[in-house]
Amino acid sequence: MIGSIIWAIVFGIVIGAIGRLIVPGKQNISLGLTWIVGIVAALLGTLVAWMFGFSDTPGINWWEHILQIAFAAVGVFLVVQQQARKA
């Protein structure tokens, strides 16, 4: 159980970093916020993949990873836009 949680957090951090790399331009957000966006995006991507029946694939589930990265990129973009409005 603890190992699964730690693995999900580490994977979410990686997903957040990939999402941040996809968004063009300079992102003035902290690493911690990027990690949080990535963890949430990983959970949302897994949930959406499960809802549409993509979670029962043998081997690497590419559709799930694509959804997770897409959610991370959108999340990073939205956070950057929100912070730009505050400035």
N, C-alpha and C. Protein backbone atom coordinates (compact mmCIF):
# COMPACT_ATOMS: atom_id res chain seq x y z
N MET A 1 0.83 -1.19 0.00
CA MET A 1 0.00 0.00 0.00
C MET A 1 0.88 1.26 0.00
N ILE A 2 1.82 1.35 0.91
CA ILE A 2 2.69 2.52 0.98
C ILE A 2 3.53 2.63 -0.29
N GLY A 3 4.01 1.50 -0.78
CA GLY A 3 4.80 1.51 -2.01
C GLY A 3 4.00 2.01 -3.19
N SER A 4 2.73 1.67 -3.27
CA SER A 4 1.88 2.13 -4.36
C SER A 4 1.68 3.64 -4.29
N ILE A 5 1.50 4.15 -3.09
CA ILE A 5 1.32 5.60 -2.92
C ILE A 5 2.59 6.34 -3.30
N ILE A 6 3.73 5.85 -2.86
CA ILE A 6 5.01 6.49 -3.20
C ILE A 6 5.24 6.44 -4.70
N TRP A 7 4.95 5.30 -5.32
CA TRP A 7 5.12 5.16 -6.76
C TRP A 7 4.20 6.13 -7.50
N ALA A 8 2.96 6.31 -7.05
CA ALA A 8 2.02 7.23 -7.68
C ALA A 8 2.52 8.67 -7.58
N ILE A 9 3.08 9.02 -6.44
CA ILE A 9 3.61 10.37 -6.26
C ILE A 9 4.80 10.60 -7.19
N VAL A 10 5.72 9.65 -7.25
CA VAL A 10 6.90 9.79 -8.12
C VAL A 10 6.46 9.88 -9.58
N PHE A 11 5.52 9.03 -9.98
CA PHE A 11 5.03 9.05 -11.35
C PHE A 11 4.33 10.37 -11.65
N GLY A 12 3.57 10.88 -10.70
CA GLY A 12 2.91 12.18 -10.87
C GLY A 12 3.90 13.31 -11.05
N ILE A 13 5.01 13.25 -10.31
CA ILE A 13 6.04 14.28 -10.46
C ILE A 13 6.64 14.24 -11.86
N VAL A 14 6.88 13.04 -12.38
CA VAL A 14 7.42 12.90 -13.74
C VAL A 14 6.40 13.41 -14.76
N ILE A 15 5.14 13.07 -14.58
CA ILE A 15 4.09 13.53 -15.49
C ILE A 15 4.01 15.06 -15.47
N GLY A 16 4.10 15.66 -14.30
CA GLY A 16 4.09 17.12 -14.18
C GLY A 16 5.26 17.76 -14.92
N ALA A 17 6.43 17.16 -14.80
CA ALA A 17 7.61 17.69 -15.50
C ALA A 17 7.44 17.59 -17.01
N ILE A 18 6.89 16.49 -17.49
CA ILE A 18 6.66 16.34 -18.93
C ILE A 18 5.61 17.35 -19.39
N GLY A 19 4.56 17.52 -18.61
CA GLY A 19 3.54 18.52 -18.96
C GLY A 19 4.12 19.91 -19.02
N ARG A 20 5.03 20.21 -18.11
CA ARG A 20 5.66 21.54 -18.11
C ARG A 20 6.56 21.72 -19.33
N LEU A 21 7.21 20.66 -19.77
CA LEU A 21 8.05 20.74 -20.96
C LEU A 21 7.23 20.96 -22.23
N ILE A 22 6.01 20.46 -22.24
CA ILE A 22 5.16 20.58 -23.42
C ILE A 22 4.63 22.01 -23.60
N VAL A 23 4.33 22.67 -22.49
CA VAL A 23 3.78 24.02 -22.56
C VAL A 23 4.88 24.97 -23.02
N PRO A 24 4.63 25.71 -24.13
CA PRO A 24 5.67 26.60 -24.65
C PRO A 24 5.86 27.83 -23.76
N GLY A 25 7.03 28.41 -23.85
CA GLY A 25 7.33 29.62 -23.10
C GLY A 25 7.86 29.34 -21.71
N LYS A 26 8.09 30.42 -20.99
CA LYS A 26 8.61 30.32 -19.63
C LYS A 26 7.45 30.23 -18.66
N GLN A 27 7.52 29.24 -17.78
CA GLN A 27 6.49 29.07 -16.76
C GLN A 27 7.05 29.54 -15.42
N ASN A 28 6.44 30.55 -14.87
CA ASN A 28 6.88 31.07 -13.57
C ASN A 28 6.09 30.41 -12.45
N ILE A 29 6.21 29.09 -12.36
CA ILE A 29 5.57 28.37 -11.27
C ILE A 29 6.63 27.53 -10.57
N SER A 30 6.38 27.26 -9.32
CA SER A 30 7.36 26.53 -8.52
C SER A 30 7.36 25.04 -8.88
N LEU A 31 8.42 24.37 -8.49
CA LEU A 31 8.49 22.93 -8.71
C LEU A 31 7.41 22.21 -7.91
N GLY A 32 7.15 22.68 -6.73
CA GLY A 32 6.12 22.06 -5.90
C GLY A 32 4.75 22.12 -6.56
N LEU A 33 4.42 23.26 -7.14
CA LEU A 33 3.15 23.40 -7.84
C LEU A 33 3.12 22.52 -9.09
N THR A 34 4.25 22.41 -9.77
CA THR A 34 4.34 21.51 -10.93
C THR A 34 4.11 20.08 -10.50
N TRP A 35 4.66 19.69 -9.37
CA TRP A 35 4.48 18.33 -8.87
C TRP A 35 3.01 18.06 -8.52
N ILE A 36 2.38 19.03 -7.87
CA ILE A 36 0.98 18.87 -7.50
C ILE A 36 0.11 18.74 -8.75
N VAL A 37 0.37 19.58 -9.76
CA VAL A 37 -0.37 19.48 -11.02
C VAL A 37 -0.15 18.11 -11.64
N GLY A 38 1.07 17.62 -11.62
CA GLY A 38 1.38 16.31 -12.19
C GLY A 38 0.69 15.16 -11.46
N ILE A 39 0.67 15.22 -10.15
CA ILE A 39 0.01 14.17 -9.37
C ILE A 39 -1.49 14.16 -9.65
N VAL A 40 -2.10 15.34 -9.66
CA VAL A 40 -3.53 15.43 -9.97
C VAL A 40 -3.81 14.97 -11.39
N ALA A 41 -2.95 15.36 -12.34
CA ALA A 41 -3.12 14.96 -13.74
C ALA A 41 -2.99 13.45 -13.90
N ALA A 42 -2.06 12.85 -13.17
CA ALA A 42 -1.90 11.39 -13.24
C ALA A 42 -3.15 10.69 -12.72
N LEU A 43 -3.71 11.19 -11.63
CA LEU A 43 -4.93 10.60 -11.09
C LEU A 43 -6.11 10.79 -12.05
N LEU A 44 -6.25 12.00 -12.61
CA LEU A 44 -7.34 12.25 -13.56
C LEU A 44 -7.20 11.41 -14.82
N GLY A 45 -5.99 11.31 -15.33
CA GLY A 45 -5.77 10.49 -16.53
C GLY A 45 -6.10 9.04 -16.30
N THR A 46 -5.74 8.53 -15.13
CA THR A 46 -6.07 7.14 -14.79
C THR A 46 -7.58 6.97 -14.67
N LEU A 47 -8.24 7.92 -14.03
CA LEU A 47 -9.69 7.84 -13.87
C LEU A 47 -10.41 7.88 -15.22
N VAL A 48 -10.02 8.80 -16.09
CA VAL A 48 -10.66 8.90 -17.40
C VAL A 48 -10.40 7.65 -18.24
N ALA A 49 -9.18 7.15 -18.19
CA ALA A 49 -8.86 5.92 -18.91
C ALA A 49 -9.71 4.76 -18.40
N TRP A 50 -9.90 4.68 -17.10
CA TRP A 50 -10.74 3.64 -16.52
C TRP A 50 -12.20 3.81 -16.94
N MET A 51 -12.68 5.06 -16.95
CA MET A 51 -14.07 5.32 -17.32
C MET A 51 -14.37 4.92 -18.77
N PHE A 52 -13.40 5.11 -19.66
CA PHE A 52 -13.60 4.78 -21.06
C PHE A 52 -13.11 3.37 -21.42
N GLY A 53 -12.69 2.62 -20.43
CA GLY A 53 -12.30 1.23 -20.66
C GLY A 53 -10.91 1.04 -21.23
N PHE A 54 -10.05 2.04 -21.11
CA PHE A 54 -8.67 1.91 -21.61
C PHE A 54 -7.73 1.30 -20.60
N SER A 55 -8.19 1.03 -19.39
CA SER A 55 -7.29 0.60 -18.33
C SER A 55 -6.99 -0.90 -18.35
N ASP A 56 -7.69 -1.66 -19.18
CA ASP A 56 -7.50 -3.11 -19.19
C ASP A 56 -6.68 -3.58 -20.38
N THR A 57 -5.63 -2.85 -20.70
CA THR A 57 -4.79 -3.24 -21.82
C THR A 57 -3.57 -4.01 -21.32
N PRO A 58 -3.13 -5.01 -22.07
CA PRO A 58 -1.92 -5.72 -21.66
C PRO A 58 -0.68 -4.86 -21.94
N GLY A 59 0.31 -4.96 -21.09
CA GLY A 59 1.55 -4.22 -21.29
C GLY A 59 1.41 -2.77 -20.85
N ILE A 60 2.15 -1.91 -21.51
CA ILE A 60 2.14 -0.48 -21.19
C ILE A 60 0.85 0.14 -21.71
N ASN A 61 0.19 0.88 -20.88
CA ASN A 61 -1.08 1.49 -21.25
C ASN A 61 -0.80 2.89 -21.81
N TRP A 62 -0.53 2.97 -23.10
CA TRP A 62 -0.14 4.24 -23.73
C TRP A 62 -1.27 5.26 -23.70
N TRP A 63 -2.51 4.83 -23.87
CA TRP A 63 -3.62 5.78 -23.84
C TRP A 63 -3.73 6.46 -22.49
N GLU A 64 -3.53 5.71 -21.45
CA GLU A 64 -3.58 6.29 -20.11
C GLU A 64 -2.47 7.32 -19.92
N HIS A 65 -1.28 6.99 -20.38
CA HIS A 65 -0.15 7.93 -20.25
C HIS A 65 -0.37 9.18 -21.08
N ILE A 66 -0.92 9.02 -22.27
CA ILE A 66 -1.21 10.18 -23.11
C ILE A 66 -2.22 11.09 -22.42
N LEU A 67 -3.26 10.51 -21.85
CA LEU A 67 -4.25 11.30 -21.11
C LEU A 67 -3.62 12.01 -19.92
N GLN A 68 -2.76 11.33 -19.19
CA GLN A 68 -2.11 11.93 -18.03
C GLN A 68 -1.24 13.11 -18.44
N ILE A 69 -0.48 12.94 -19.49
CA ILE A 69 0.39 14.03 -19.95
C ILE A 69 -0.44 15.19 -20.47
N ALA A 70 -1.52 14.90 -21.18
CA ALA A 70 -2.40 15.96 -21.68
C ALA A 70 -3.01 16.75 -20.52
N PHE A 71 -3.48 16.04 -19.49
CA PHE A 71 -4.02 16.73 -18.32
C PHE A 71 -2.95 17.57 -17.63
N ALA A 72 -1.73 17.07 -17.58
CA ALA A 72 -0.63 17.83 -16.95
C ALA A 72 -0.32 19.09 -17.74
N ALA A 73 -0.26 18.98 -19.06
CA ALA A 73 0.02 20.15 -19.89
C ALA A 73 -1.08 21.20 -19.73
N VAL A 74 -2.32 20.77 -19.76
CA VAL A 74 -3.44 21.70 -19.57
C VAL A 74 -3.39 22.31 -18.18
N GLY A 75 -3.09 21.50 -17.17
CA GLY A 75 -3.00 22.00 -15.81
C GLY A 75 -1.90 23.04 -15.64
N VAL A 76 -0.73 22.77 -16.19
CA VAL A 76 0.37 23.73 -16.11
C VAL A 76 -0.02 25.02 -16.83
N PHE A 77 -0.62 24.89 -18.01
CA PHE A 77 -1.05 26.07 -18.77
C PHE A 77 -2.04 26.91 -17.97
N LEU A 78 -3.02 26.26 -17.34
CA LEU A 78 -4.02 26.99 -16.57
C LEU A 78 -3.41 27.68 -15.35
N VAL A 79 -2.47 27.01 -14.69
CA VAL A 79 -1.81 27.62 -13.53
C VAL A 79 -0.99 28.83 -13.97
N VAL A 80 -0.27 28.71 -15.08
CA VAL A 80 0.52 29.84 -15.59
C VAL A 80 -0.39 31.01 -15.93
N GLN A 81 -1.52 30.73 -16.59
CA GLN A 81 -2.46 31.80 -16.95
C GLN A 81 -3.05 32.45 -15.70
N GLN A 82 -3.37 31.68 -14.70
CA GLN A 82 -3.92 32.22 -13.46
C GLN A 82 -2.90 33.11 -12.76
N GLN A 83 -1.66 32.69 -12.73
CA GLN A 83 -0.63 33.51 -12.09
C GLN A 83 -0.33 34.77 -12.89
N ALA A 84 -0.46 34.70 -14.21
CA ALA A 84 -0.24 35.89 -15.04
C ALA A 84 -1.33 36.94 -14.78
N ARG A 85 -2.53 36.48 -14.51
CA ARG A 85 -3.62 37.42 -14.21
C ARG A 85 -3.40 38.13 -12.88
N LYS A 86 -2.80 37.42 -11.93
CA LYS A 86 -2.55 38.02 -10.62
C LYS A 86 -1.44 39.07 -10.67
N ALA A 87 -0.53 38.91 -11.62
CA ALA A 87 0.63 39.82 -11.69
C ALA A 87 0.28 41.15 -12.31
